C-alpha cells in the first residue's frame, strides 16, 4: 500500500490513464472490426468508407501513444491493399 501522498497520487493517475488508454484501444479495435466486416462482405464502397473513418482514429492512437507509428502505417497499408484488391480481378 502506498504510504506517501505522492505515491497515492501516482496510483490515481495510473488508474485514470489506464481507463483512458483502454477506451482508446477499444475504439481503434471497433473501427478495425468495421473495416474487416466490410472487406469480408466484398463491398468495396462500404470498405472504403469504413477505412476512411478508421484512419483518423488510428492516427489519434499514435499521437496518444497507444500504438507505435510504424505499426499503424503497416496496418493501414495492408488494409488499403486489401480494399484495393476487392475491385480488381484475381491474378494468377
PDB file of N, CA and C in Angstrom:
ATOM      1  N   UNK A   1       0.839  -1.183   0.000  1.00  0.00           N
ATOM      2  CA  UNK A   1       0.000   0.000   0.000  1.00  0.00           C
ATOM      3  C   UNK A   1       0.878   1.237   0.000  1.00  0.00           C
ATOM      4  N   UNK A   2       0.435   2.256  -0.719  1.00  0.00           N
ATOM      5  CA  UNK A   2       1.212   3.492  -0.829  1.00  0.00           C
ATOM      6  C   UNK A   2       1.198   4.246   0.499  1.00  0.00           C
ATOM      7  N   UNK A   3       2.354   4.714   0.904  1.00  0.00           N
ATOM      8  CA  UNK A   3       2.453   5.414   2.186  1.00  0.00           C
ATOM      9  C   UNK A   3       2.532   6.929   2.031  1.00  0.00           C
ATOM     10  N   UNK A   4       3.099   7.398   0.958  1.00  0.00           N
ATOM     11  CA  UNK A   4       3.261   8.839   0.793  1.00  0.00           C
ATOM     12  C   UNK A   4       2.151   9.405  -0.088  1.00  0.00           C
ATOM     13  N   UNK A   5       1.951  10.695   0.042  1.00  0.00           N
ATOM     14  CA  UNK A   5       0.917  11.384  -0.747  1.00  0.00           C
ATOM     15  C   UNK A   5       1.227  11.284  -2.229  1.00  0.00           C
ATOM     16  N   UNK A   6       2.498  11.409  -2.571  1.00  0.00           N
ATOM     17  CA  UNK A   6       2.875  11.353  -3.986  1.00  0.00           C
ATOM     18  C   UNK A   6       2.627   9.966  -4.568  1.00  0.00           C
ATOM     19  N   UNK A   7       2.845   8.939  -3.762  1.00  0.00           N
ATOM     20  CA  UNK A   7       2.602   7.570  -4.231  1.00  0.00           C
ATOM     21  C   UNK A   7       1.110   7.333  -4.427  1.00  0.00           C
ATOM     22  N   UNK A   8       0.292   7.865  -3.517  1.00  0.00           N
ATOM     23  CA  UNK A   8      -1.164   7.737  -3.661  1.00  0.00           C
ATOM     24  C   UNK A   8      -1.643   8.459  -4.916  1.00  0.00           C
ATOM     25  N   UNK A   9      -1.072   9.632  -5.160  1.00  0.00           N
ATOM     26  CA  UNK A   9      -1.440  10.399  -6.358  1.00  0.00           C
ATOM     27  C   UNK A   9      -1.040   9.627  -7.614  1.00  0.00           C
ATOM     28  N   UNK A  10       0.123   9.015  -7.591  1.00  0.00           N
ATOM     29  CA  UNK A  10       0.597   8.238  -8.729  1.00  0.00           C
ATOM     30  C   UNK A  10      -0.358   7.086  -9.031  1.00  0.00           C
ATOM     31  N   UNK A  11      -0.860   6.435  -7.994  1.00  0.00           N
ATOM     32  CA  UNK A  11      -1.802   5.339  -8.175  1.00  0.00           C
ATOM     33  C   UNK A  11      -3.075   5.850  -8.835  1.00  0.00           C
ATOM     34  N   UNK A  12      -3.561   7.004  -8.390  1.00  0.00           N
ATOM     35  CA  UNK A  12      -4.763   7.594  -9.001  1.00  0.00           C
ATOM     36  C   UNK A  12      -4.520   7.936 -10.458  1.00  0.00           C
ATOM     37  N   UNK A  13      -3.372   8.535 -10.745  1.00  0.00           N
ATOM     38  CA  UNK A  13      -3.054   8.923 -12.119  1.00  0.00           C
ATOM     39  C   UNK A  13      -2.940   7.703 -13.030  1.00  0.00           C
ATOM     40  N   UNK A  14      -2.311   6.665 -12.530  1.00  0.00           N
ATOM     41  CA  UNK A  14      -2.145   5.445 -13.314  1.00  0.00           C
ATOM     42  C   UNK A  14      -3.494   4.817 -13.634  1.00  0.00           C
ATOM     43  N   UNK A  15      -4.381   4.786 -12.647  1.00  0.00           N
ATOM     44  CA  UNK A  15      -5.707   4.202 -12.855  1.00  0.00           C
ATOM     45  C   UNK A  15      -6.482   4.992 -13.903  1.00  0.00           C
ATOM     46  N   UNK A  16      -6.425   6.308 -13.830  1.00  0.00           N
ATOM     47  CA  UNK A  16      -7.123   7.165 -14.793  1.00  0.00           C
ATOM     48  C   UNK A  16      -6.568   6.956 -16.193  1.00  0.00           C
ATOM     49  N   UNK A  17      -5.248   6.954 -16.300  1.00  0.00           N
ATOM     50  CA  UNK A  17      -4.605   6.775 -17.596  1.00  0.00           C
ATOM     51  C   UNK A  17      -4.934   5.405 -18.180  1.00  0.00           C
ATOM     52  N   UNK A  18      -4.955   4.392 -17.310  1.00  0.00           N
ATOM     53  CA  UNK A  18      -5.267   3.039 -17.737  1.00  0.00           C
ATOM     54  C   UNK A  18      -6.674   2.974 -18.332  1.00  0.00           C
ATOM     55  N   UNK A  19      -7.634   3.628 -17.698  1.00  0.00           N
ATOM     56  CA  UNK A  19      -9.008   3.670 -18.199  1.00  0.00           C
ATOM     57  C   UNK A  19      -9.063   4.318 -19.576  1.00  0.00           C
ATOM     58  N   UNK A  20      -8.429   5.471 -19.687  1.00  0.00           N
ATOM     59  CA  UNK A  20      -8.443   6.206 -20.959  1.00  0.00           C
ATOM     60  C   UNK A  20      -7.811   5.393 -22.079  1.00  0.00           C
ATOM     61  N   UNK A  21      -6.657   4.797 -21.777  1.00  0.00           N
ATOM     62  CA  UNK A  21      -5.963   4.024 -22.796  1.00  0.00           C
ATOM     63  C   UNK A  21      -6.766   2.805 -23.225  1.00  0.00           C
ATOM     64  N   UNK A  22      -7.432   2.162 -22.268  1.00  0.00           N
ATOM     65  CA  UNK A  22      -8.253   1.004 -22.596  1.00  0.00           C
ATOM     66  C   UNK A  22      -9.390   1.423 -23.523  1.00  0.00           C
ATOM     67  N   UNK A  23     -10.013   2.562 -23.226  1.00  0.00           N
ATOM     68  CA  UNK A  23     -11.109   3.067 -24.063  1.00  0.00           C
ATOM     69  C   UNK A  23     -10.612   3.395 -25.467  1.00  0.00           C
ATOM     70  N   UNK A  24      -9.454   4.017 -25.553  1.00  0.00           N
ATOM     71  CA  UNK A  24      -8.900   4.375 -26.868  1.00  0.00           C
ATOM     72  C   UNK A  24      -8.554   3.125 -27.672  1.00  0.00           C
ATOM     73  N   UNK A  25      -7.943   2.154 -27.010  1.00  0.00           N
ATOM     74  CA  UNK A  25      -7.571   0.912 -27.680  1.00  0.00           C
ATOM     75  C   UNK A  25      -8.820   0.181 -28.177  1.00  0.00           C
ATOM     76  N   UNK A  26      -9.853   0.183 -27.364  1.00  0.00           N
ATOM     77  CA  UNK A  26     -11.102  -0.457 -27.727  1.00  0.00           C
ATOM     78  C   UNK A  26     -11.739   0.249 -28.921  1.00  0.00           C
ATOM     79  N   UNK A  27     -11.682   1.574 -28.922  1.00  0.00           N
ATOM     80  CA  UNK A  27     -12.255   2.368 -30.022  1.00  0.00           C
ATOM     81  C   UNK A  27     -11.554   2.047 -31.342  1.00  0.00           C
ATOM     82  N   UNK A  28     -10.234   1.966 -31.301  1.00  0.00           N
ATOM     83  CA  UNK A  28      -9.462   1.627 -32.500  1.00  0.00           C
ATOM     84  C   UNK A  28      -9.857   0.237 -32.989  1.00  0.00           C
ATOM     85  N   UNK A  29      -9.983  -0.686 -32.053  1.00  0.00           N
ATOM     86  CA  UNK A  29     -10.351  -2.055 -32.393  1.00  0.00           C
ATOM     87  C   UNK A  29     -11.729  -2.112 -33.043  1.00  0.00           C
ATOM     88  N   UNK A  30     -12.656  -1.301 -32.551  1.00  0.00           N
ATOM     89  CA  UNK A  30     -14.010  -1.260 -33.112  1.00  0.00           C
ATOM     90  C   UNK A  30     -13.979  -0.782 -34.561  1.00  0.00           C
ATOM     91  N   UNK A  31     -13.214   0.261 -34.818  1.00  0.00           N
ATOM     92  CA  UNK A  31     -13.114   0.782 -36.181  1.00  0.00           C
ATOM     93  C   UNK A  31     -12.479  -0.254 -37.103  1.00  0.00           C
ATOM     94  N   UNK A  32     -11.483  -0.973 -36.592  1.00  0.00           N
ATOM     95  CA  UNK A  32     -10.836  -2.010 -37.381  1.00  0.00           C
ATOM     96  C   UNK A  32     -11.827  -3.124 -37.721  1.00  0.00           C
ATOM     97  N   UNK A  33     -12.657  -3.491 -36.760  1.00  0.00           N
ATOM     98  CA  UNK A  33     -13.660  -4.537 -36.979  1.00  0.00           C
ATOM     99  C   UNK A  33     -14.627  -4.134 -38.080  1.00  0.00           C
ATOM    100  N   UNK A  34     -15.018  -2.866 -38.088  1.00  0.00           N
ATOM    101  CA  UNK A  34     -15.941  -2.379 -39.122  1.00  0.00           C
ATOM    102  C   UNK A  34     -15.320  -2.507 -40.513  1.00  0.00           C
ATOM    103  N   UNK A  35     -14.047  -2.173 -40.624  1.00  0.00           N
ATOM    104  CA  UNK A  35     -13.351  -2.289 -41.909  1.00  0.00           C
ATOM    105  C   UNK A  35     -13.257  -3.759 -42.308  1.00  0.00           C
ATOM    106  N   UNK A  36     -12.891  -4.618 -41.361  1.00  0.00           N
ATOM    107  CA  UNK A  36     -12.763  -6.050 -41.643  1.00  0.00           C
ATOM    108  C   UNK A  36     -14.087  -6.645 -42.125  1.00  0.00           C
ATOM    109  N   UNK A  37     -15.187  -6.258 -41.487  1.00  0.00           N
ATOM    110  CA  UNK A  37     -16.501  -6.778 -41.886  1.00  0.00           C
ATOM    111  C   UNK A  37     -16.854  -6.315 -43.295  1.00  0.00           C
ATOM    112  N   UNK A  38     -16.549  -5.050 -43.592  1.00  0.00           N
ATOM    113  CA  UNK A  38     -16.840  -4.516 -44.923  1.00  0.00           C
ATOM    114  C   UNK A  38     -16.018  -5.241 -45.988  1.00  0.00           C
ATOM    115  N   UNK A  39     -14.768  -5.531 -45.690  1.00  0.00           N
ATOM    116  CA  UNK A  39     -13.910  -6.255 -46.632  1.00  0.00           C
ATOM    117  C   UNK A  39     -14.441  -7.676 -46.817  1.00  0.00           C
ATOM    118  N   UNK A  40     -14.827  -8.310 -45.717  1.00  0.00           N
ATOM    119  CA  UNK A  40     -15.339  -9.685 -45.782  1.00  0.00           C
ATOM    120  C   UNK A  40     -16.624  -9.767 -46.596  1.00  0.00           C
ATOM    121  N   UNK A  41     -17.443  -8.711 -46.531  1.00  0.00           N
ATOM    122  CA  UNK A  41     -18.699  -8.718 -47.287  1.00  0.00           C
ATOM    123  C   UNK A  41     -18.453  -8.505 -48.776  1.00  0.00           C
ATOM    124  N   UNK A  42     -17.273  -8.003 -49.125  1.00  0.00           N
ATOM    125  CA  UNK A  42     -16.925  -7.790 -50.528  1.00  0.00           C
ATOM    126  C   UNK A  42     -17.427  -6.475 -51.089  1.00  0.00           C
ATOM    127  N   UNK A  43     -17.961  -5.616 -50.233  1.00  0.00           N
ATOM    128  CA  UNK A  43     -18.484  -4.312 -50.665  1.00  0.00           C
ATOM    129  C   UNK A  43     -17.358  -3.282 -50.619  1.00  0.00           C
ATOM    130  N   UNK A  44     -16.837  -2.941 -51.797  1.00  0.00           N
ATOM    131  CA  UNK A  44     -15.684  -2.044 -51.860  1.00  0.00           C
ATOM    132  C   UNK A  44     -16.022  -0.642 -51.371  1.00  0.00           C
ATOM    133  N   UNK A  45     -17.205  -0.142 -51.719  1.00  0.00           N
ATOM    134  CA  UNK A  45     -17.596   1.216 -51.322  1.00  0.00           C
ATOM    135  C   UNK A  45     -17.720   1.303 -49.801  1.00  0.00           C
ATOM    136  N   UNK A  46     -18.368   0.311 -49.204  1.00  0.00           N
ATOM    137  CA  UNK A  46     -18.513   0.298 -47.740  1.00  0.00           C
ATOM    138  C   UNK A  46     -17.150   0.155 -47.067  1.00  0.00           C
ATOM    139  N   UNK A  47     -16.291  -0.654 -47.650  1.00  0.00           N
ATOM    140  CA  UNK A  47     -14.953  -0.859 -47.087  1.00  0.00           C
ATOM    141  C   UNK A  47     -14.149   0.438 -47.133  1.00  0.00           C
ATOM    142  N   UNK A  48     -14.255   1.159 -48.246  1.00  0.00           N
ATOM    143  CA  UNK A  48     -13.538   2.438 -48.367  1.00  0.00           C
ATOM    144  C   UNK A  48     -14.058   3.451 -47.359  1.00  0.00           C
ATOM    145  N   UNK A  49     -15.386   3.478 -47.167  1.00  0.00           N
ATOM    146  CA  UNK A  49     -15.981   4.410 -46.208  1.00  0.00           C
ATOM    147  C   UNK A  49     -15.523   4.076 -44.785  1.00  0.00           C
ATOM    148  N   UNK A  50     -15.537   2.800 -44.449  1.00  0.00           N
ATOM    149  CA  UNK A  50     -15.104   2.369 -43.116  1.00  0.00           C
ATOM    150  C   UNK A  50     -13.620   2.665 -42.918  1.00  0.00           C
ATOM    151  N   UNK A  51     -12.832   2.448 -43.954  1.00  0.00           N
ATOM    152  CA  UNK A  51     -11.395   2.717 -43.890  1.00  0.00           C
ATOM    153  C   UNK A  51     -11.137   4.209 -43.680  1.00  0.00           C
ATOM    154  N   UNK A  52     -11.921   5.027 -44.366  1.00  0.00           N
ATOM    155  CA  UNK A  52     -11.782   6.487 -44.254  1.00  0.00           C
ATOM    156  C   UNK A  52     -12.097   6.948 -42.824  1.00  0.00           C
ATOM    157  N   UNK A  53     -13.057   6.283 -42.188  1.00  0.00           N
ATOM    158  CA  UNK A  53     -13.388   6.608 -40.798  1.00  0.00           C
ATOM    159  C   UNK A  53     -12.323   6.095 -39.832  1.00  0.00           C
ATOM    160  N   UNK A  54     -11.715   4.968 -40.158  1.00  0.00           N
ATOM    161  CA  UNK A  54     -10.741   4.344 -39.258  1.00  0.00           C
ATOM    162  C   UNK A  54      -9.390   5.058 -39.261  1.00  0.00           C
ATOM    163  N   UNK A  55      -9.016   5.642 -40.383  1.00  0.00           N
ATOM    164  CA  UNK A  55      -7.692   6.267 -40.489  1.00  0.00           C
ATOM    165  C   UNK A  55      -7.426   7.326 -39.408  1.00  0.00           C
ATOM    166  N   UNK A  56      -8.300   8.322 -39.238  1.00  0.00           N
ATOM    167  CA  UNK A  56      -8.002   9.317 -38.202  1.00  0.00           C
ATOM    168  C   UNK A  56      -7.964   8.726 -36.795  1.00  0.00           C
ATOM    169  N   UNK A  57      -8.755   7.689 -36.578  1.00  0.00           N
ATOM    170  CA  UNK A  57      -8.771   7.046 -35.263  1.00  0.00           C
ATOM    171  C   UNK A  57      -7.423   6.379 -34.989  1.00  0.00           C
ATOM    172  N   UNK A  58      -6.871   5.731 -36.007  1.00  0.00           N
ATOM    173  CA  UNK A  58      -5.550   5.121 -35.876  1.00  0.00           C
ATOM    174  C   UNK A  58      -4.482   6.181 -35.633  1.00  0.00           C
ATOM    175  N   UNK A  59      -4.549   7.275 -36.377  1.00  0.00           N
ATOM    176  CA  UNK A  59      -3.553   8.336 -36.214  1.00  0.00           C
ATOM    177  C   UNK A  59      -3.647   8.963 -34.824  1.00  0.00           C
ATOM    178  N   UNK A  60      -4.851   9.090 -34.312  1.00  0.00           N
ATOM    179  CA  UNK A  60      -5.041   9.628 -32.965  1.00  0.00           C
ATOM    180  C   UNK A  60      -4.409   8.694 -31.934  1.00  0.00           C
ATOM    181  N   UNK A  61      -4.524   7.396 -32.167  1.00  0.00           N
ATOM    182  CA  UNK A  61      -3.912   6.424 -31.254  1.00  0.00           C
ATOM    183  C   UNK A  61      -2.395   6.591 -31.229  1.00  0.00           C
ATOM    184  N   UNK A  62      -1.828   6.952 -32.365  1.00  0.00           N
ATOM    185  CA  UNK A  62      -0.378   7.195 -32.425  1.00  0.00           C
ATOM    186  C   UNK A  62      -0.013   8.408 -31.585  1.00  0.00           C
ATOM    187  N   UNK A  63      -0.756   9.497 -31.760  1.00  0.00           N
ATOM    188  CA  UNK A  63      -0.420  10.726 -31.026  1.00  0.00           C
ATOM    189  C   UNK A  63      -0.616  10.560 -29.526  1.00  0.00           C
ATOM    190  N   UNK A  64      -1.530   9.682 -29.134  1.00  0.00           N
ATOM    191  CA  UNK A  64      -1.776   9.450 -27.708  1.00  0.00           C
ATOM    192  C   UNK A  64      -0.845   8.389 -27.130  1.00  0.00           C
ATOM    193  N   UNK A  65      -0.026   7.771 -27.986  1.00  0.00           N
ATOM    194  CA  UNK A  65       0.950   6.804 -27.501  1.00  0.00           C
ATOM    195  C   UNK A  65       0.384   5.412 -27.270  1.00  0.00           C
ATOM    196  N   UNK A  66      -0.768   5.124 -27.850  1.00  0.00           N
ATOM    197  CA  UNK A  66      -1.380   3.809 -27.666  1.00  0.00           C
ATOM    198  C   UNK A  66      -0.715   2.789 -28.581  1.00  0.00           C
ATOM    199  N   UNK A  67      -0.408   3.216 -29.812  1.00  0.00           N
ATOM    200  CA  UNK A  67       0.171   2.328 -30.814  1.00  0.00           C
ATOM    201  C   UNK A  67       1.369   3.040 -31.437  1.00  0.00           C
ATOM    202  N   UNK A  68       2.357   2.275 -31.858  1.00  0.00           N
ATOM    203  CA  UNK A  68       3.538   2.850 -32.491  1.00  0.00           C
ATOM    204  C   UNK A  68       3.219   3.298 -33.923  1.00  0.00           C
ATOM    205  N   UNK A  69       3.865   4.350 -34.350  1.00  0.00           N
ATOM    206  CA  UNK A  69       3.640   4.935 -35.673  1.00  0.00           C
ATOM    207  C   UNK A  69       3.816   3.913 -36.795  1.00  0.00           C
ATOM    208  N   UNK A  70       4.899   3.137 -36.752  1.00  0.00           N
ATOM    209  CA  UNK A  70       5.159   2.165 -37.819  1.00  0.00           C
ATOM    210  C   UNK A  70       4.125   1.049 -37.842  1.00  0.00           C
ATOM    211  N   UNK A  71       3.616   0.696 -36.676  1.00  0.00           N
ATOM    212  CA  UNK A  71       2.576  -0.334 -36.602  1.00  0.00           C
ATOM    213  C   UNK A  71       1.333   0.131 -37.326  1.00  0.00           C
ATOM    214  N   UNK A  72       0.946   1.374 -37.072  1.00  0.00           N
ATOM    215  CA  UNK A  72      -0.245   1.937 -37.712  1.00  0.00           C
ATOM    216  C   UNK A  72      -0.024   2.051 -39.214  1.00  0.00           C
ATOM    217  N   UNK A  73       1.143   2.504 -39.616  1.00  0.00           N
ATOM    218  CA  UNK A  73       1.442   2.640 -41.044  1.00  0.00           C
ATOM    219  C   UNK A  73       1.336   1.287 -41.739  1.00  0.00           C
ATOM    220  N   UNK A  74       1.870   0.256 -41.111  1.00  0.00           N
ATOM    221  CA  UNK A  74       1.818  -1.088 -41.684  1.00  0.00           C
ATOM    222  C   UNK A  74       0.384  -1.595 -41.786  1.00  0.00           C
ATOM    223  N   UNK A  75      -0.388  -1.428 -40.721  1.00  0.00           N
ATOM    224  CA  UNK A  75      -1.763  -1.930 -40.717  1.00  0.00           C
ATOM    225  C   UNK A  75      -2.626  -1.196 -41.734  1.00  0.00           C
ATOM    226  N   UNK A  76      -2.481   0.129 -41.799  1.00  0.00           N
ATOM    227  CA  UNK A  76      -3.270   0.903 -42.759  1.00  0.00           C
ATOM    228  C   UNK A  76      -2.892   0.540 -44.190  1.00  0.00           C
ATOM    229  N   UNK A  77      -1.615   0.327 -44.420  1.00  0.00           N
ATOM    230  CA  UNK A  77      -1.153  -0.043 -45.746  1.00  0.00           C
ATOM    231  C   UNK A  77      -1.739  -1.382 -46.178  1.00  0.00           C
ATOM    232  N   UNK A  78      -1.726  -2.345 -45.273  1.00  0.00           N
ATOM    233  CA  UNK A  78      -2.255  -3.670 -45.589  1.00  0.00           C
ATOM    234  C   UNK A  78      -3.762  -3.649 -45.805  1.00  0.00           C
ATOM    235  N   UNK A  79      -4.472  -2.860 -44.975  1.00  0.00           N
ATOM    236  CA  UNK A  79      -5.923  -2.732 -45.160  1.00  0.00           C
ATOM    237  C   UNK A  79      -6.230  -2.094 -46.502  1.00  0.00           C
ATOM    238  N   UNK A  80      -5.478  -1.049 -46.828  1.00  0.00           N
ATOM    239  CA  UNK A  80      -5.673  -0.343 -48.090  1.00  0.00           C
ATOM    240  C   UNK A  80      -5.453  -1.281 -49.277  1.00  0.00           C
ATOM    241  N   UNK A  81      -4.428  -2.103 -49.200  1.00  0.00           N
ATOM    242  CA  UNK A  81      -4.142  -3.055 -50.277  1.00  0.00           C
ATOM    243  C   UNK A  81      -5.267  -4.067 -50.425  1.00  0.00           C
ATOM    244  N   UNK A  82      -5.814  -4.517 -49.298  1.00  0.00           N
ATOM    245  CA  UNK A  82      -6.921  -5.480 -49.348  1.00  0.00           C
ATOM    246  C   UNK A  82      -8.174  -4.848 -49.960  1.00  0.00           C
ATOM    247  N   UNK A  83      -8.425  -3.594 -49.623  1.00  0.00           N
ATOM    248  CA  UNK A  83      -9.588  -2.893 -50.180  1.00  0.00           C
ATOM    249  C   UNK A  83      -9.395  -2.687 -51.682  1.00  0.00           C
ATOM    250  N   UNK A  84      -8.192  -2.320 -52.052  1.00  0.00           N
ATOM    251  CA  UNK A  84      -7.889  -2.104 -53.483  1.00  0.00           C
ATOM    252  C   UNK A  84      -8.074  -3.388 -54.257  1.00  0.00           C
ATOM    253  N   UNK A  85      -7.742  -4.513 -53.671  1.00  0.00           N
ATOM    254  CA  UNK A  85      -7.846  -5.806 -54.351  1.00  0.00           C
ATOM    255  C   UNK A  85      -9.303  -6.273 -54.504  1.00  0.00           C
ATOM    256  N   UNK A  86     -10.223  -5.668 -53.764  1.00  0.00           N
ATOM    257  CA  UNK A  86     -11.629  -6.062 -53.861  1.00  0.00           C
ATOM    258  C   UNK A  86     -12.181  -5.850 -55.259  1.00  0.00           C
ATOM    259  N   UNK A  87     -11.830  -4.708 -55.865  1.00  0.00           N
ATOM    260  CA  UNK A  87     -12.387  -4.385 -57.175  1.00  0.00           C
ATOM    261  C   UNK A  87     -11.644  -5.040 -58.307  1.00  0.00           C
ATOM    262  N   UNK A  88     -10.396  -5.419 -58.079  1.00  0.00           N
ATOM    263  CA  UNK A  88      -9.580  -5.988 -59.151  1.00  0.00           C
ATOM    264  C   UNK A  88      -9.866  -7.476 -59.320  1.00  0.00           C
ATOM    265  N   UNK A  89      -9.789  -7.973 -60.558  1.00  0.00           N
ATOM    266  CA  UNK A  89      -9.952  -9.417 -60.751  1.00  0.00           C
ATOM    267  C   UNK A  89      -8.756 -10.155 -60.188  1.00  0.00           C
ATOM    268  N   UNK A  90      -8.955 -11.381 -59.777  1.00  0.00           N
ATOM    269  CA  UNK A  90      -7.888 -12.188 -59.197  1.00  0.00           C
ATOM    270  C   UNK A  90      -6.807 -12.465 -60.238  1.00  0.00           C
ATOM    271  N   UNK A  91      -5.548 -12.302 -59.814  1.00  0.00           N
ATOM    272  CA  UNK A  91      -4.427 -12.543 -60.714  1.00  0.00           C
ATOM    273  C   UNK A  91      -3.868 -13.934 -60.465  1.00  0.00           C
ATOM    274  N   UNK A  92      -3.417 -14.574 -61.541  1.00  0.00           N
ATOM    275  CA  UNK A  92      -2.894 -15.929 -61.418  1.00  0.00           C
ATOM    276  C   UNK A  92      -1.440 -15.930 -61.011  1.00  0.00           C
TER     277      UNK A  92
END
